[in-house]
N, C-alpha and C. Protein backbone atom coordinates (compact mmCIF):
# COMPACT_ATOMS: atom_id res chain seq x y z
N MET A 1 0.56 -1.26 0.04
CA MET A 1 0.13 0.12 -0.11
C MET A 1 0.98 1.18 0.30
N SER A 2 0.44 1.97 -0.96
CA SER A 2 1.33 2.99 -0.85
C SER A 2 1.27 4.40 -0.01
N PHE A 3 1.68 5.45 0.12
CA PHE A 3 1.36 6.83 1.17
C PHE A 3 0.38 7.43 0.69
N TRP A 4 0.01 7.53 -0.96
CA TRP A 4 -1.34 8.07 -1.33
C TRP A 4 -2.65 7.49 -1.10
N ASP A 5 -2.46 6.02 -0.99
CA ASP A 5 -3.62 4.95 -0.34
C ASP A 5 -4.26 5.24 0.85
N ILE A 6 -3.05 5.05 1.69
CA ILE A 6 -3.30 5.88 2.93
C ILE A 6 -3.97 6.97 3.36
N VAL A 7 -3.33 7.91 2.41
CA VAL A 7 -4.07 9.10 2.69
C VAL A 7 -5.41 9.30 2.13
N ASN A 8 -5.98 8.77 0.93
CA ASN A 8 -6.94 8.50 0.74
C ASN A 8 -7.87 7.41 1.08
N SER A 9 -7.85 7.29 2.40
CA SER A 9 -8.37 5.77 2.08
C SER A 9 -9.54 7.30 3.15
N PRO A 10 -10.71 6.30 3.45
CA PRO A 10 -12.30 6.38 4.52
C PRO A 10 -11.84 7.16 5.40
N VAL A 11 -11.00 6.15 6.41
CA VAL A 11 -10.64 6.64 7.69
C VAL A 11 -10.35 7.89 7.72
N ILE A 12 -8.93 8.00 6.97
CA ILE A 12 -8.03 9.23 7.24
C ILE A 12 -8.68 10.31 7.13
N LEU A 13 -9.61 10.38 5.50
CA LEU A 13 -10.08 10.91 5.16
C LEU A 13 -11.30 11.76 5.92
N THR A 14 -12.24 10.89 6.69
CA THR A 14 -13.12 11.22 7.90
C THR A 14 -12.35 11.62 8.68
N LEU A 15 -11.23 11.47 9.32
CA LEU A 15 -10.52 12.19 10.66
C LEU A 15 -9.93 13.64 9.95
N VAL A 16 -9.18 13.47 9.04
CA VAL A 16 -9.45 14.96 8.54
C VAL A 16 -10.49 15.76 8.54
N THR A 17 -11.57 15.32 7.76
CA THR A 17 -12.71 16.31 7.67
C THR A 17 -13.50 16.54 9.24
N LEU A 18 -13.37 15.71 10.13
CA LEU A 18 -13.80 15.94 11.09
C LEU A 18 -13.22 17.06 11.95
N ILE A 19 -11.83 16.72 11.68
CA ILE A 19 -10.86 18.04 12.34
C ILE A 19 -11.16 19.49 11.91
N TRP A 20 -10.89 19.44 10.28
CA TRP A 20 -11.51 21.16 9.96
C TRP A 20 -12.49 21.23 10.24
N GLY A 21 -13.29 20.45 9.72
CA GLY A 21 -15.32 21.12 10.55
C GLY A 21 -14.90 21.47 11.98
N SER A 22 -14.56 20.36 12.73
CA SER A 22 -14.29 21.11 14.14
C SER A 22 -13.76 22.62 14.28
N LEU A 23 -12.64 23.04 13.74
CA LEU A 23 -11.97 23.94 13.71
C LEU A 23 -12.60 24.97 13.27
N VAL A 24 -13.20 25.09 12.02
CA VAL A 24 -13.86 25.93 11.08
C VAL A 24 -15.27 26.22 12.52
N ALA A 25 -16.02 25.27 12.59
CA ALA A 25 -17.05 25.24 13.36
C ALA A 25 -16.94 26.14 14.97
N SER A 26 -15.87 25.54 15.33
CA SER A 26 -15.18 26.77 16.31
C SER A 26 -14.73 28.20 16.48
N TRP A 27 -14.55 28.39 15.04
CA TRP A 27 -14.07 29.20 14.63
C TRP A 27 -15.40 30.51 14.18
N VAL A 28 -16.15 29.83 13.48
CA VAL A 28 -17.93 30.30 13.21
C VAL A 28 -18.16 30.90 14.60
N THR A 29 -18.34 29.74 15.83
CA THR A 29 -18.59 29.94 17.17
C THR A 29 -18.13 31.02 17.78
N ALA A 30 -17.16 31.26 17.72
CA ALA A 30 -16.09 32.50 18.46
C ALA A 30 -16.70 33.48 17.75
N LEU A 31 -16.74 33.46 16.27
CA LEU A 31 -17.28 35.10 16.13
C LEU A 31 -18.29 35.22 16.52
N TRP A 32 -19.51 34.31 16.34
CA TRP A 32 -20.69 34.50 16.50
C TRP A 32 -21.23 35.06 17.97
N GLN A 33 -20.31 34.42 18.86
CA GLN A 33 -20.35 35.26 19.98
C GLN A 33 -19.26 36.31 20.34
N LYS A 34 -18.72 36.70 19.85
CA LYS A 34 -18.31 37.91 19.77
C LYS A 34 -19.14 38.96 18.82
N ARG A 35 -19.78 38.84 18.05
CA ARG A 35 -20.96 39.83 17.68
C ARG A 35 -21.66 40.11 18.43
N SER A 36 -22.36 38.85 18.73
CA SER A 36 -23.35 39.00 19.59
C SER A 36 -22.75 39.78 21.01
N HIS A 37 -22.13 39.58 21.32
CA HIS A 37 -21.38 40.25 22.80
C HIS A 37 -21.41 41.90 22.37
N HIS A 38 -20.77 42.26 20.81
CA HIS A 38 -20.56 43.38 20.78
C HIS A 38 -21.70 44.31 20.94
N HIS A 39 -22.95 43.48 20.30
CA HIS A 39 -24.33 43.80 20.36
C HIS A 39 -25.07 44.26 21.93
N GLU A 40 -24.55 43.53 22.23
CA GLU A 40 -25.37 43.25 24.08
C GLU A 40 -24.55 44.35 24.68
N VAL A 41 -23.43 44.78 24.12
CA VAL A 41 -22.95 46.27 25.16
C VAL A 41 -23.30 47.39 24.72
N LYS A 42 -23.96 47.23 22.93
CA LYS A 42 -24.33 48.30 22.71
C LYS A 42 -25.97 48.49 22.62
N LEU A 43 -26.47 47.56 22.97
CA LEU A 43 -27.59 47.79 23.31
C LEU A 43 -28.11 47.93 24.97
N LYS A 44 -26.74 47.40 25.90
CA LYS A 44 -27.07 48.27 27.18
C LYS A 44 -26.62 49.59 27.37
N TYR A 45 -25.84 49.86 26.15
CA TYR A 45 -25.22 51.24 26.30
C TYR A 45 -26.51 52.31 25.92
N ALA A 46 -26.97 52.32 24.68
CA ALA A 46 -28.37 52.55 24.12
C ALA A 46 -29.51 52.67 25.32
N GLN A 47 -29.54 51.75 26.06
CA GLN A 47 -30.63 51.86 27.20
C GLN A 47 -29.84 52.87 28.05
N GLU A 48 -28.92 52.77 28.59
CA GLU A 48 -27.98 53.69 29.52
C GLU A 48 -28.29 55.03 29.24
N VAL A 49 -27.98 55.26 28.09
CA VAL A 49 -28.06 57.03 27.12
C VAL A 49 -29.69 57.33 27.41
N THR A 50 -30.53 56.48 26.88
CA THR A 50 -32.07 56.78 26.89
C THR A 50 -32.38 56.83 28.37
N SER A 51 -31.80 56.42 29.29
CA SER A 51 -32.70 56.52 31.11
C SER A 51 -32.32 57.66 31.06
N ALA A 52 -30.66 58.31 30.87
CA ALA A 52 -30.14 59.16 31.65
C ALA A 52 -30.95 60.50 30.92
N TYR A 53 -30.73 60.05 29.78
CA TYR A 53 -31.34 61.39 29.02
C TYR A 53 -33.23 61.68 29.48
N GLN A 54 -33.60 60.44 30.00
CA GLN A 54 -34.82 60.57 30.44
C GLN A 54 -35.15 61.49 32.04
N GLU A 55 -34.05 60.81 32.73
CA GLU A 55 -33.99 61.34 33.52
C GLU A 55 -33.29 62.44 33.98
N TYR A 56 -32.71 63.35 32.96
CA TYR A 56 -32.54 64.62 33.16
C TYR A 56 -33.45 65.44 32.71
N ILE A 57 -34.43 64.77 31.43
CA ILE A 57 -35.86 65.49 31.35
C ILE A 57 -36.76 65.56 32.67
N ARG A 58 -36.82 64.73 33.56
CA ARG A 58 -37.96 64.44 34.72
C ARG A 58 -36.79 65.86 35.67
N MET A 59 -35.78 65.81 35.90
CA MET A 59 -34.79 66.64 36.51
C MET A 59 -35.02 67.92 36.25
N ILE A 60 -35.12 68.54 34.97
CA ILE A 60 -35.46 70.04 34.24
C ILE A 60 -37.35 69.96 34.88
N ARG A 61 -37.66 69.36 34.42
CA ARG A 61 -38.94 69.80 35.00
C ARG A 61 -39.56 69.36 36.35
N SER A 62 -38.68 68.99 37.27
CA SER A 62 -39.08 69.15 38.79
C SER A 62 -38.62 70.06 38.96
N ASN A 63 -38.64 70.32 40.64
CA ASN A 63 -38.63 71.58 41.15
C ASN A 63 -36.83 71.88 41.08
N LEU A 64 -36.78 73.34 41.42
CA LEU A 64 -35.72 73.81 41.16
C LEU A 64 -34.25 73.51 41.81
N ASP A 65 -34.50 73.32 43.29
CA ASP A 65 -33.71 72.58 43.72
C ASP A 65 -32.51 71.64 43.40
N ARG A 66 -32.96 70.30 42.60
CA ARG A 66 -32.17 69.62 41.84
C ARG A 66 -32.06 70.18 41.26
N LEU A 67 -31.96 71.22 40.02
CA LEU A 67 -31.24 71.89 38.93
C LEU A 67 -29.70 72.37 39.32
N SER A 68 -29.61 72.80 40.24
CA SER A 68 -28.27 73.47 40.75
C SER A 68 -27.63 72.66 41.78
N GLY A 69 -27.85 71.58 42.10
CA GLY A 69 -27.06 70.80 43.26
C GLY A 69 -26.35 69.35 42.82
N LYS A 70 -25.64 68.74 43.40
CA LYS A 70 -24.27 67.62 42.96
C LYS A 70 -25.67 66.67 42.19
N ASP A 71 -26.62 66.43 41.91
CA ASP A 71 -27.15 65.31 41.14
C ASP A 71 -27.02 66.40 39.83
N PHE A 72 -27.65 67.14 39.57
CA PHE A 72 -27.55 67.98 38.14
C PHE A 72 -25.90 67.58 37.48
N ASP A 73 -25.08 67.68 38.61
CA ASP A 73 -23.76 67.78 38.02
C ASP A 73 -23.46 66.68 37.56
N ASP A 74 -24.05 65.38 38.71
CA ASP A 74 -23.05 64.10 38.38
C ASP A 74 -24.70 63.98 36.72
N LEU A 75 -25.67 64.17 36.49
CA LEU A 75 -26.07 63.97 35.46
C LEU A 75 -25.63 64.39 34.49
N HIS A 76 -25.53 65.43 34.40
CA HIS A 76 -24.62 66.29 33.08
C HIS A 76 -23.71 65.36 32.30
N SER A 77 -22.43 65.80 33.87
CA SER A 77 -21.32 65.07 33.21
C SER A 77 -21.28 63.60 32.95
N HIS A 78 -22.51 62.76 33.72
CA HIS A 78 -22.36 61.49 33.03
C HIS A 78 -22.91 61.73 31.43
N MET A 79 -23.81 62.12 30.95
CA MET A 79 -24.36 62.61 30.14
C MET A 79 -23.31 63.12 28.98
N VAL A 80 -22.29 63.65 29.46
CA VAL A 80 -21.24 64.58 28.33
C VAL A 80 -20.23 63.64 28.34
N SER A 81 -20.25 62.48 28.95
CA SER A 81 -19.31 61.10 29.20
C SER A 81 -19.69 60.20 28.35
N GLN A 82 -21.24 60.21 28.34
CA GLN A 82 -21.84 58.93 26.83
C GLN A 82 -21.36 59.29 25.95
N ALA A 83 -21.62 60.84 25.80
CA ALA A 83 -22.04 61.35 24.36
C ALA A 83 -20.63 61.09 23.61
N ARG A 84 -19.49 61.06 24.27
CA ARG A 84 -18.50 60.77 23.53
C ARG A 84 -18.08 59.41 23.56
N ILE A 85 -18.86 58.23 24.67
CA ILE A 85 -18.09 57.17 24.73
C ILE A 85 -19.37 56.51 23.04
N ALA A 86 -20.48 57.67 23.05
CA ALA A 86 -21.08 56.68 21.75
C ALA A 86 -20.05 56.94 20.35
N GLY A 87 -19.46 57.95 20.30
CA GLY A 87 -18.69 57.98 18.76
C GLY A 87 -18.16 56.71 18.61
N PHE A 88 -17.31 56.05 20.05
CA PHE A 88 -16.45 55.41 19.68
C PHE A 88 -17.13 53.95 19.43
N LEU A 89 -17.96 53.61 20.30
CA LEU A 89 -18.67 52.36 20.09
C LEU A 89 -19.23 52.27 19.16
N PHE A 90 -20.14 53.19 18.85
CA PHE A 90 -20.84 52.79 17.49
C PHE A 90 -19.94 52.97 16.10
N ARG A 91 -18.60 53.44 16.47
CA ARG A 91 -18.12 53.91 15.53
C ARG A 91 -18.35 54.98 14.30
N ASP A 92 -19.06 55.62 14.77
CA ASP A 92 -19.77 57.02 14.45
C ASP A 92 -19.60 58.22 14.83
N LYS A 93 -19.19 59.30 14.29
CA LYS A 93 -18.99 60.08 15.12
C LYS A 93 -20.32 61.00 15.17
N ARG A 94 -21.02 60.86 14.53
CA ARG A 94 -22.20 62.02 14.40
C ARG A 94 -23.33 61.51 15.17
N ILE A 95 -23.31 60.01 15.51
CA ILE A 95 -24.27 59.43 17.00
C ILE A 95 -23.46 60.67 18.39
N GLY A 96 -22.52 60.53 18.59
CA GLY A 96 -21.89 61.66 19.65
C GLY A 96 -21.97 62.76 19.63
N GLN A 97 -21.83 63.47 18.19
CA GLN A 97 -22.15 64.95 18.08
C GLN A 97 -23.64 64.98 18.49
N SER A 98 -24.42 63.89 18.04
CA SER A 98 -25.95 64.10 18.03
C SER A 98 -26.20 64.22 19.57
N TRP A 99 -25.86 63.57 20.21
CA TRP A 99 -26.00 63.41 21.67
C TRP A 99 -25.30 64.74 22.47
N GLN A 100 -24.47 65.22 21.94
CA GLN A 100 -23.63 66.51 22.39
C GLN A 100 -24.76 67.52 22.11
N THR A 101 -25.41 67.66 20.91
CA THR A 101 -26.42 68.43 20.87
C THR A 101 -27.18 68.53 21.53
N VAL A 102 -28.01 67.34 21.93
CA VAL A 102 -28.96 66.98 22.35
C VAL A 102 -28.58 67.64 24.17
N ILE A 103 -27.46 67.65 24.50
CA ILE A 103 -27.01 67.90 25.92
C ILE A 103 -26.80 69.36 25.84
N ASP A 104 -26.41 69.73 24.99
CA ASP A 104 -26.23 71.40 24.87
C ASP A 104 -27.55 72.16 25.15
N LYS A 105 -28.44 71.49 24.20
CA LYS A 105 -29.88 71.93 24.20
C LYS A 105 -30.87 72.04 25.58
N LEU A 106 -30.12 70.30 26.29
CA LEU A 106 -31.14 70.37 27.84
C LEU A 106 -30.58 71.28 28.69
N ALA A 107 -29.00 71.52 28.40
CA ALA A 107 -28.33 72.36 29.57
C ALA A 107 -28.83 74.05 28.86
N SER A 108 -28.81 74.46 27.91
CA SER A 108 -29.64 75.64 27.73
C SER A 108 -30.88 75.77 28.43
N VAL A 109 -31.86 75.02 28.13
CA VAL A 109 -33.07 74.60 28.93
C VAL A 109 -33.15 75.01 30.29
N ARG A 110 -32.12 74.18 31.03
CA ARG A 110 -31.99 74.10 32.22
C ARG A 110 -31.59 75.55 32.43
N ALA A 111 -30.84 76.24 31.88
CA ALA A 111 -30.32 77.57 32.11
C ALA A 111 -31.84 78.45 32.20
N LEU A 112 -32.66 78.50 31.48
CA LEU A 112 -33.61 78.87 31.38
C LEU A 112 -34.60 78.72 32.24
N ARG A 113 -35.16 77.60 32.56
CA ARG A 113 -35.43 77.32 34.25
C ARG A 113 -35.27 78.07 35.34
N VAL A 114 -33.42 77.83 35.63
CA VAL A 114 -33.17 78.63 36.40
C VAL A 114 -33.14 80.12 36.69
N GLU A 115 -33.15 80.76 35.62
CA GLU A 115 -33.58 81.77 35.40
C GLU A 115 -34.69 82.55 35.74
N GLY A 116 -35.58 81.77 35.66
CA GLY A 116 -37.26 81.75 35.67
C GLY A 116 -37.76 82.13 34.36
N ARG A 117 -37.08 82.06 33.28
CA ARG A 117 -38.19 82.44 32.74
C ARG A 117 -39.43 81.90 32.01
N ASP A 118 -39.77 82.26 30.65
CA ASP A 118 -41.59 81.96 30.80
C ASP A 118 -41.98 80.61 30.62
N PRO A 119 -42.42 79.92 31.34
CA PRO A 119 -42.88 78.18 30.80
C PRO A 119 -43.18 77.99 29.37
N THR A 120 -43.80 78.69 28.62
CA THR A 120 -43.86 78.45 27.42
C THR A 120 -42.96 78.80 26.41
N LEU A 121 -41.73 79.35 26.84
CA LEU A 121 -40.31 78.96 26.19
C LEU A 121 -39.87 78.09 26.62
N ILE A 122 -40.00 77.69 27.45
CA ILE A 122 -39.32 76.58 28.22
C ILE A 122 -39.95 75.40 27.39
N GLU A 123 -41.17 75.20 27.34
CA GLU A 123 -41.72 74.05 26.44
C GLU A 123 -40.97 74.14 25.28
N ARG A 124 -41.32 75.30 24.63
CA ARG A 124 -41.03 75.01 23.05
C ARG A 124 -39.35 74.89 22.78
N LYS A 125 -38.19 74.80 23.90
CA LYS A 125 -36.86 74.47 23.97
C LYS A 125 -36.80 73.05 23.73
N LEU A 126 -37.99 72.67 25.04
CA LEU A 126 -38.00 71.20 25.05
C LEU A 126 -38.61 70.19 23.93
N ARG A 127 -39.71 71.26 23.35
CA ARG A 127 -39.71 70.29 22.02
C ARG A 127 -38.49 69.89 21.28
N GLU A 128 -37.77 71.38 21.06
CA GLU A 128 -36.39 71.06 19.82
C GLU A 128 -35.82 69.92 20.56
N VAL A 129 -35.62 69.74 21.90
CA VAL A 129 -35.27 68.70 22.31
C VAL A 129 -34.76 67.29 22.27
N TYR A 130 -36.33 67.13 21.81
CA TYR A 130 -37.19 66.32 22.04
C TYR A 130 -37.48 65.74 20.44
N GLU A 131 -37.20 66.37 19.46
CA GLU A 131 -36.84 66.58 18.10
C GLU A 131 -35.47 66.02 17.74
N GLU A 132 -34.58 66.59 18.35
CA GLU A 132 -32.87 65.93 18.56
C GLU A 132 -32.56 65.14 19.16
N ALA A 133 -33.60 64.49 20.37
CA ALA A 133 -32.95 63.12 21.17
C ALA A 133 -33.73 62.13 20.07
N ASP A 134 -34.95 62.63 19.24
CA ASP A 134 -35.42 61.39 18.68
C ASP A 134 -34.31 61.12 17.53
N LYS A 135 -33.97 62.15 16.84
CA LYS A 135 -33.10 61.85 15.46
C LYS A 135 -31.59 61.14 16.17
N ALA A 136 -31.16 61.43 17.65
CA ALA A 136 -30.12 60.76 18.26
C ALA A 136 -30.40 58.87 18.76
N VAL A 137 -31.33 58.76 18.76
CA VAL A 137 -31.70 57.51 19.28
C VAL A 137 -32.01 56.82 18.38
N GLU A 138 -32.72 57.36 17.18
CA GLU A 138 -33.06 56.61 15.77
C GLU A 138 -31.89 56.31 15.54
N GLY A 139 -30.92 57.38 15.36
CA GLY A 139 -29.18 57.06 15.00
C GLY A 139 -28.44 55.86 15.78
N MET A 140 -29.11 56.00 16.79
CA MET A 140 -27.98 55.01 17.77
C MET A 140 -28.78 53.08 17.25
N PHE A 141 -29.57 53.29 17.28
CA PHE A 141 -30.60 51.48 16.97
C PHE A 141 -30.89 51.37 15.41
N LYS A 142 -30.29 52.40 14.55
CA LYS A 142 -30.43 51.76 13.36
C LYS A 142 -29.10 51.12 12.88
N LYS A 143 -28.07 51.80 14.13
CA LYS A 143 -26.59 51.01 14.01
C LYS A 143 -26.50 49.88 14.01
N LEU A 144 -27.85 49.69 15.36
CA LEU A 144 -27.43 48.00 16.37
C LEU A 144 -28.29 46.81 15.29
N VAL A 145 -29.01 47.51 14.21
CA VAL A 145 -29.76 46.53 13.43
C VAL A 145 -28.45 46.05 12.15
């Protein structure tokens, strides 16, 4: 029996196929798990950003004591850091920039509220914030799909 006959025997071909098949299967599984993990991280981030945004809105609509204390400083700095992370996590700088625009508009509405301006002006500015935030949230979730 020659070397070529041994290599082409059904037993050897089956063993080689099983080895290569298991290597390819484990490689595909590792890639799938990595992609799934990245998707999960992005989804958790999107949920965290939207909940922080909602908390920011609730804070603006609540009493004035919360708008000038440590709670506001912590939430505002958290939102700014989230906006910066967004550009890196989603690999699209426009998402981070859109959230930065939302944060800037929220800060201006907060300043109007602290100054005691007309409530109708504040509501009009908040509607502008809602439109920008809708675009930012939509951009994040489009990148998730």
